[in-house]
Amino acid sequence: MNGVIALNKPAGLTSHDCVFKIRKILKTKKVGHTGTLDPEVTGVLPICVGEATKLIPYLTDDRKKYIGEITLGFSTTTEDAHGETIEQKKVDRAITREEILKVLNQLTGEISQTPPMYSAVKVNGKKLYEYARAGIEVERPTRTVTIFEIILLDNREVFEGDTISFKFEVFCSKGTYIRTLAVQIGELLGFPAHMSYLTRTKAGAFTIDDCVTFAELEENANDFTLDRVMLSMEQALNEYPRLTVTAEEEIRVFNGGFFPNTMNCKEGEYIAVYNENNRIIAMYTPNPKNNNVIKPTRVFHNQ
């Protein structure tokens, strides 16, 4: 059993809870997720099984797409709908569509974010949410993330009310906190805000249309038809640049051999290496000592 399951994660479970349930359904221990989703967030969570667990570093790096909802009028400790209210201010004026679009445009591109205290970011070996639960405030690291696109999913021209909510779709780099993005949108509009809803619709090569529920997965496991819902390692990595090697070169791959960097791959980027049977056998990256050659970072022996 080597492959990736695109799980439609339900609300109320941590990513680790999902891994635990799938281990029980598949009766195997070699299962891992590709990056945490907050318990109340739903949507695409790729789960790697068997040899595919070696793909986790490459799938974690992928870009993500979300549909979220922001509510203006009050902010919370967790920056979502499940925290305690910390600031409240009625929306005492009409907000125009043009004003919101201008703010979304301001937050497109490279932006700085400070992760919320209730997050899994580690400071001095402990997760921020552990400090938060103990009532300890620590300095949080600011990071740079990329927002490729934000689309307003609301047709109104004018937004009015004591609190205002509207949905948006965001396409972003790894490490982006949509909760924090909602707060930033609110700040630019002049009101405290929080993220009132979030679902992930895309993670790398996987979309919500590829996803299965726990019930569907269990049914396929019982019917011995897991091949219908488990995507191959090749499908999981199909967005990476591809290099096909000959049978002779394949031996070099398994011996850790280098190849010319004919694709002009940059440091930190990866190339998926396939054999003549279209099976993925390795992931390569530029050699930091010589960018003209690429070297293996992971070899898949059981493919």
Protein backbone atom coordinates (compact mmCIF):
# COMPACT_ATOMS: atom_id res chain seq x y z
CA MET A 1 0.00 0.00 0.00
CA ASN A 2 1.98 2.97 -1.33
CA GLY A 3 0.04 6.08 -2.23
CA VAL A 4 -1.72 9.23 -1.13
CA ILE A 5 -5.30 9.59 0.06
CA ALA A 6 -6.89 13.01 -0.37
CA LEU A 7 -9.07 13.18 2.71
CA ASN A 8 -12.00 15.58 3.00
CA LYS A 9 -11.24 16.44 6.60
CA PRO A 10 -14.31 17.02 8.77
CA ALA A 11 -14.53 19.72 11.44
CA GLY A 12 -13.68 18.78 15.01
CA LEU A 13 -10.63 16.58 14.35
CA THR A 14 -6.93 17.42 14.43
CA SER A 15 -4.72 16.26 11.56
CA HIS A 16 -3.20 13.69 13.93
CA ASP A 17 -6.70 12.40 14.77
CA CYS A 18 -7.22 11.83 11.04
CA VAL A 19 -3.96 9.88 10.75
CA PHE A 20 -4.97 7.72 13.73
CA LYS A 21 -8.38 6.91 12.18
CA ILE A 22 -6.82 6.01 8.82
CA ARG A 23 -4.26 3.74 10.49
CA LYS A 24 -7.18 1.82 12.00
CA ILE A 25 -9.15 1.71 8.74
CA LEU A 26 -6.17 0.54 6.66
CA LYS A 27 -4.65 -1.59 9.44
CA THR A 28 -1.19 -0.14 8.88
CA LYS A 29 1.10 2.07 10.96
CA LYS A 30 2.98 3.75 8.13
CA VAL A 31 0.66 6.76 7.68
CA GLY A 32 1.40 10.49 7.88
CA HIS A 33 -0.22 13.83 7.04
CA THR A 34 1.29 16.60 4.94
CA GLY A 35 0.70 19.59 7.21
CA THR A 36 -1.72 20.46 9.95
CA LEU A 37 -5.19 21.84 9.52
CA ASP A 38 -6.80 23.43 12.57
CA PRO A 39 -9.49 21.20 14.15
CA GLU A 40 -12.43 23.33 12.94
CA VAL A 41 -11.05 23.75 9.40
CA THR A 42 -12.41 21.35 6.77
CA GLY A 43 -11.26 20.28 3.34
CA VAL A 44 -8.25 18.84 1.54
CA LEU A 45 -5.78 16.96 3.76
CA PRO A 46 -3.41 14.68 1.80
CA ILE A 47 -2.54 11.57 3.82
CA CYS A 48 0.52 9.53 2.78
CA VAL A 49 0.56 5.75 3.16
CA GLY A 50 3.50 3.32 3.01
CA GLU A 51 6.47 4.36 0.89
CA ALA A 52 4.56 7.55 0.03
CA THR A 53 5.29 8.87 3.55
CA LYS A 54 8.67 9.82 2.07
CA LEU A 55 6.79 12.38 -0.05
CA ILE A 56 5.66 14.41 2.97
CA PRO A 57 8.45 17.06 2.76
CA TYR A 58 7.62 17.70 -0.91
CA LEU A 59 3.84 17.83 -0.48
CA THR A 60 4.12 20.10 2.58
CA ASP A 61 5.92 22.69 0.44
CA ASP A 62 3.04 22.93 -2.00
CA ARG A 63 0.79 25.93 -2.56
CA LYS A 64 -2.67 25.95 -1.01
CA LYS A 65 -6.10 27.32 -1.90
CA TYR A 66 -8.83 28.15 0.62
CA ILE A 67 -12.34 29.55 0.81
CA GLY A 68 -12.76 31.59 3.96
CA GLU A 69 -15.17 33.97 5.59
CA ILE A 70 -14.18 37.11 7.49
CA THR A 71 -16.41 38.77 10.05
CA LEU A 72 -15.84 42.42 10.90
CA GLY A 73 -16.94 43.80 14.26
CA PHE A 74 -14.94 41.83 16.83
CA SER A 75 -11.63 40.01 17.16
CA THR A 76 -10.81 36.90 19.21
CA THR A 77 -7.89 35.33 21.06
CA THR A 78 -7.58 32.59 18.44
CA GLU A 79 -8.32 34.84 15.42
CA ASP A 80 -11.21 32.51 14.52
CA ALA A 81 -14.79 32.02 15.72
CA HIS A 82 -13.81 29.71 18.59
CA GLY A 83 -11.80 32.10 20.75
CA GLU A 84 -12.81 34.64 23.37
CA THR A 85 -13.70 38.13 22.18
CA ILE A 86 -10.88 40.58 22.91
CA GLU A 87 -11.99 43.68 20.99
CA GLN A 88 -15.39 44.78 19.78
CA LYS A 89 -16.39 47.69 17.57
CA LYS A 90 -19.64 48.04 15.67
CA VAL A 91 -19.31 48.59 11.95
CA ASP A 92 -20.68 52.13 12.09
CA ARG A 93 -20.43 52.94 8.41
CA ALA A 94 -21.14 51.40 5.03
CA ILE A 95 -18.19 49.64 3.42
CA THR A 96 -18.08 49.62 -0.36
CA ARG A 97 -17.09 46.77 -2.62
CA GLU A 98 -14.39 48.99 -4.11
CA GLU A 99 -12.90 49.55 -0.65
CA ILE A 100 -12.72 45.80 0.06
CA LEU A 101 -11.18 45.05 -3.34
CA LYS A 102 -8.54 47.71 -2.73
CA VAL A 103 -7.61 46.08 0.60
CA LEU A 104 -7.44 42.60 -0.97
CA ASN A 105 -5.15 44.01 -3.63
CA GLN A 106 -2.91 45.53 -0.93
CA LEU A 107 -2.52 42.09 0.64
CA THR A 108 -1.64 40.35 -2.64
CA GLY A 109 2.02 39.49 -3.19
CA GLU A 110 4.66 39.07 -0.50
CA ILE A 111 3.34 40.08 2.93
CA SER A 112 4.55 39.77 6.52
CA GLN A 113 2.56 37.80 9.08
CA THR A 114 2.98 37.23 12.80
CA PRO A 115 1.48 33.82 13.65
CA PRO A 116 -1.32 33.82 16.24
CA MET A 117 -0.54 32.68 19.80
CA TYR A 118 -2.91 29.77 19.24
CA SER A 119 -0.83 28.11 16.52
CA ALA A 120 1.61 25.22 16.13
CA VAL A 121 4.62 27.44 15.39
CA LYS A 122 7.46 26.53 17.76
CA VAL A 123 9.39 29.02 19.91
CA ASN A 124 12.25 27.62 22.02
CA GLY A 125 11.05 24.08 21.37
CA LYS A 126 7.45 24.64 22.49
CA LYS A 127 4.38 25.28 20.36
CA LEU A 128 2.82 28.71 20.68
CA TYR A 129 -0.55 27.28 21.70
CA GLU A 130 1.16 25.61 24.68
CA TYR A 131 2.35 29.02 25.89
CA ALA A 132 -1.10 30.49 25.19
CA ARG A 133 -2.89 27.81 27.24
CA ALA A 134 -0.50 28.51 30.13
CA GLY A 135 -1.23 32.23 29.88
CA ILE A 136 2.35 33.02 28.84
CA GLU A 137 2.95 35.66 26.17
CA VAL A 138 6.14 35.16 24.13
CA GLU A 139 7.67 37.02 21.22
CA ARG A 140 6.43 35.51 17.98
CA PRO A 141 8.56 35.29 14.84
CA THR A 142 7.36 37.34 11.87
CA ARG A 143 7.47 35.48 8.56
CA THR A 144 7.12 36.41 4.91
CA VAL A 145 4.48 34.56 2.90
CA THR A 146 3.12 34.97 -0.61
CA ILE A 147 -0.51 35.63 -1.49
CA PHE A 148 -0.83 34.82 -5.18
CA GLU A 149 -4.49 35.79 -5.50
CA ILE A 150 -7.48 36.82 -3.37
CA ILE A 151 -10.97 36.83 -4.90
CA LEU A 152 -14.00 38.38 -3.22
CA LEU A 153 -16.87 35.83 -3.30
CA ASP A 154 -19.68 38.27 -2.66
CA ASN A 155 -21.71 40.25 -5.21
CA ARG A 156 -22.79 43.10 -2.92
CA GLU A 157 -21.78 46.62 -3.84
CA VAL A 158 -22.32 47.96 -0.30
CA PHE A 159 -21.83 46.11 3.01
CA GLU A 160 -23.78 47.32 6.06
CA GLY A 161 -24.61 46.16 9.59
CA ASP A 162 -23.23 46.09 13.15
CA THR A 163 -21.14 43.12 12.03
CA ILE A 164 -20.32 42.33 8.40
CA SER A 165 -19.30 38.97 6.95
CA PHE A 166 -18.10 38.13 3.46
CA LYS A 167 -16.40 35.17 1.81
CA PHE A 168 -13.20 35.17 -0.21
CA GLU A 169 -10.96 32.66 -2.01
CA VAL A 170 -7.21 32.83 -1.45
CA PHE A 171 -4.35 31.10 -3.28
CA CYS A 172 -1.20 31.24 -1.16
CA SER A 173 2.20 29.80 -0.29
CA LYS A 174 2.86 27.34 2.51
CA GLY A 175 2.96 28.82 5.99
CA THR A 176 0.19 31.35 5.37
CA TYR A 177 -2.25 31.80 8.25
CA ILE A 178 -5.68 32.61 6.83
CA ARG A 179 -6.86 33.54 10.34
CA THR A 180 -4.16 36.19 10.46
CA LEU A 181 -5.00 37.29 6.92
CA ALA A 182 -8.60 37.89 8.02
CA VAL A 183 -7.36 40.04 10.91
CA GLN A 184 -5.12 41.99 8.52
CA ILE A 185 -8.05 42.63 6.17
CA GLY A 186 -10.04 43.94 9.11
CA GLU A 187 -7.22 46.21 10.25
CA LEU A 188 -6.95 47.81 6.81
CA LEU A 189 -10.73 48.36 6.78
CA GLY A 190 -10.53 49.90 10.26
CA PHE A 191 -12.34 47.24 12.31
CA PRO A 192 -11.45 44.28 14.54
CA ALA A 193 -12.06 41.04 12.67
CA HIS A 194 -11.74 37.29 12.80
CA MET A 195 -12.02 34.33 10.45
CA SER A 196 -15.50 32.88 10.89
CA TYR A 197 -15.21 29.94 8.45
CA LEU A 198 -12.47 28.16 6.49
CA THR A 199 -12.17 25.20 4.15
CA ARG A 200 -9.14 24.16 2.11
CA THR A 201 -10.03 23.44 -1.51
CA LYS A 202 -6.58 22.67 -2.92
CA ALA A 203 -3.23 21.44 -1.61
CA GLY A 204 -0.60 20.98 -4.30
CA ALA A 205 -1.94 18.53 -6.88
CA PHE A 206 -5.00 17.63 -4.81
CA THR A 207 -8.35 19.39 -5.05
CA ILE A 208 -11.57 18.97 -3.10
CA ASP A 209 -12.93 16.93 -6.04
CA ASP A 210 -10.21 14.31 -5.40
CA CYS A 211 -11.21 13.90 -1.75
CA VAL A 212 -12.93 11.06 0.04
CA THR A 213 -14.67 10.98 3.42
CA PHE A 214 -13.83 8.54 6.22
CA ALA A 215 -17.02 6.62 5.42
CA GLU A 216 -16.07 6.28 1.74
CA LEU A 217 -12.53 5.21 2.65
CA GLU A 218 -13.79 2.57 5.05
CA GLU A 219 -16.19 1.24 2.43
CA ASN A 220 -13.38 0.92 -0.13
CA ALA A 221 -11.11 -0.76 2.43
CA ASN A 222 -13.82 -3.33 3.22
CA ASP A 223 -14.45 -3.94 -0.50
CA PHE A 224 -10.70 -4.24 -1.29
CA THR A 225 -11.04 -1.34 -3.75
CA LEU A 226 -8.59 1.12 -2.22
CA ASP A 227 -7.02 1.59 -5.65
CA ARG A 228 -10.10 3.68 -6.53
CA VAL A 229 -9.35 6.29 -3.87
CA MET A 230 -5.60 6.05 -3.31
CA LEU A 231 -3.62 8.22 -5.69
CA SER A 232 -0.23 7.01 -6.85
CA MET A 233 3.03 8.67 -5.86
CA GLU A 234 3.34 9.81 -9.46
CA GLN A 235 -0.03 11.59 -9.33
CA ALA A 236 0.92 13.23 -6.04
CA LEU A 237 4.05 14.78 -7.55
CA ASN A 238 2.77 15.59 -11.03
CA GLU A 239 3.19 19.35 -10.53
CA TYR A 240 6.97 19.02 -10.16
CA PRO A 241 9.35 19.29 -13.16
CA ARG A 242 10.03 15.83 -14.56
CA LEU A 243 13.23 14.07 -15.62
CA THR A 244 13.07 10.60 -17.21
CA VAL A 245 16.23 8.47 -17.04
CA THR A 246 17.35 5.39 -18.97
CA ALA A 247 17.78 1.95 -17.38
CA GLU A 248 21.51 2.57 -17.13
CA GLU A 249 20.98 5.98 -15.54
CA GLU A 250 18.47 4.47 -13.12
CA ILE A 251 21.31 2.46 -11.56
CA ARG A 252 23.20 5.74 -11.09
CA VAL A 253 20.15 7.20 -9.32
CA PHE A 254 20.06 4.35 -6.79
CA ASN A 255 23.78 4.84 -6.20
CA GLY A 256 23.30 8.54 -5.45
CA GLY A 257 24.61 9.76 -8.81
CA PHE A 258 24.54 13.40 -9.92
CA PHE A 259 23.08 14.68 -13.21
CA PRO A 260 23.50 17.93 -15.17
CA ASN A 261 21.04 20.68 -14.16
CA THR A 262 19.59 21.00 -17.66
CA MET A 263 16.33 22.47 -16.32
CA ASN A 264 18.14 25.33 -14.56
CA CYS A 265 16.50 24.31 -11.30
CA LYS A 266 17.23 26.77 -8.49
CA GLU A 267 18.31 26.03 -4.94
CA GLY A 268 15.32 24.93 -2.88
CA GLU A 269 13.46 23.63 -5.96
CA TYR A 270 12.96 19.95 -6.79
CA ILE A 271 12.83 17.71 -9.85
CA ALA A 272 10.90 14.41 -9.90
CA VAL A 273 12.97 11.65 -11.52
CA TYR A 274 11.17 8.83 -13.35
CA ASN A 275 12.38 5.58 -14.89
CA GLU A 276 11.44 4.26 -18.34
CA ASN A 277 8.34 2.59 -16.86
CA ASN A 278 7.01 6.00 -15.74
CA ARG A 279 7.55 5.15 -12.07
CA ILE A 280 8.98 7.84 -9.82
CA ILE A 281 12.29 6.73 -8.35
CA ALA A 282 13.77 9.86 -6.75
CA MET A 283 13.57 13.57 -5.99
CA TYR A 284 16.55 15.71 -7.00
CA THR A 285 17.64 19.25 -6.15
CA PRO A 286 20.62 21.45 -7.15
CA ASN A 287 23.90 20.71 -5.39
CA PRO A 288 24.55 23.72 -3.11
CA LYS A 289 28.28 23.49 -3.94
CA ASN A 290 27.68 23.44 -7.69
CA ASN A 291 24.37 24.64 -9.14
CA ASN A 292 25.22 23.10 -12.53
CA VAL A 293 24.43 19.60 -11.22
CA ILE A 294 21.50 18.08 -9.33
CA LYS A 295 21.73 15.49 -6.57
CA PRO A 296 19.20 13.13 -4.93
CA THR A 297 17.42 14.22 -1.76
CA ARG A 298 15.24 11.12 -1.60
CA VAL A 299 15.32 7.76 -3.42
CA PHE A 300 12.23 5.51 -3.52
CA HIS A 301 13.52 1.93 -3.41
CA ASN A 302 10.16 0.19 -3.19
CA GLN A 303 8.74 1.61 -6.39
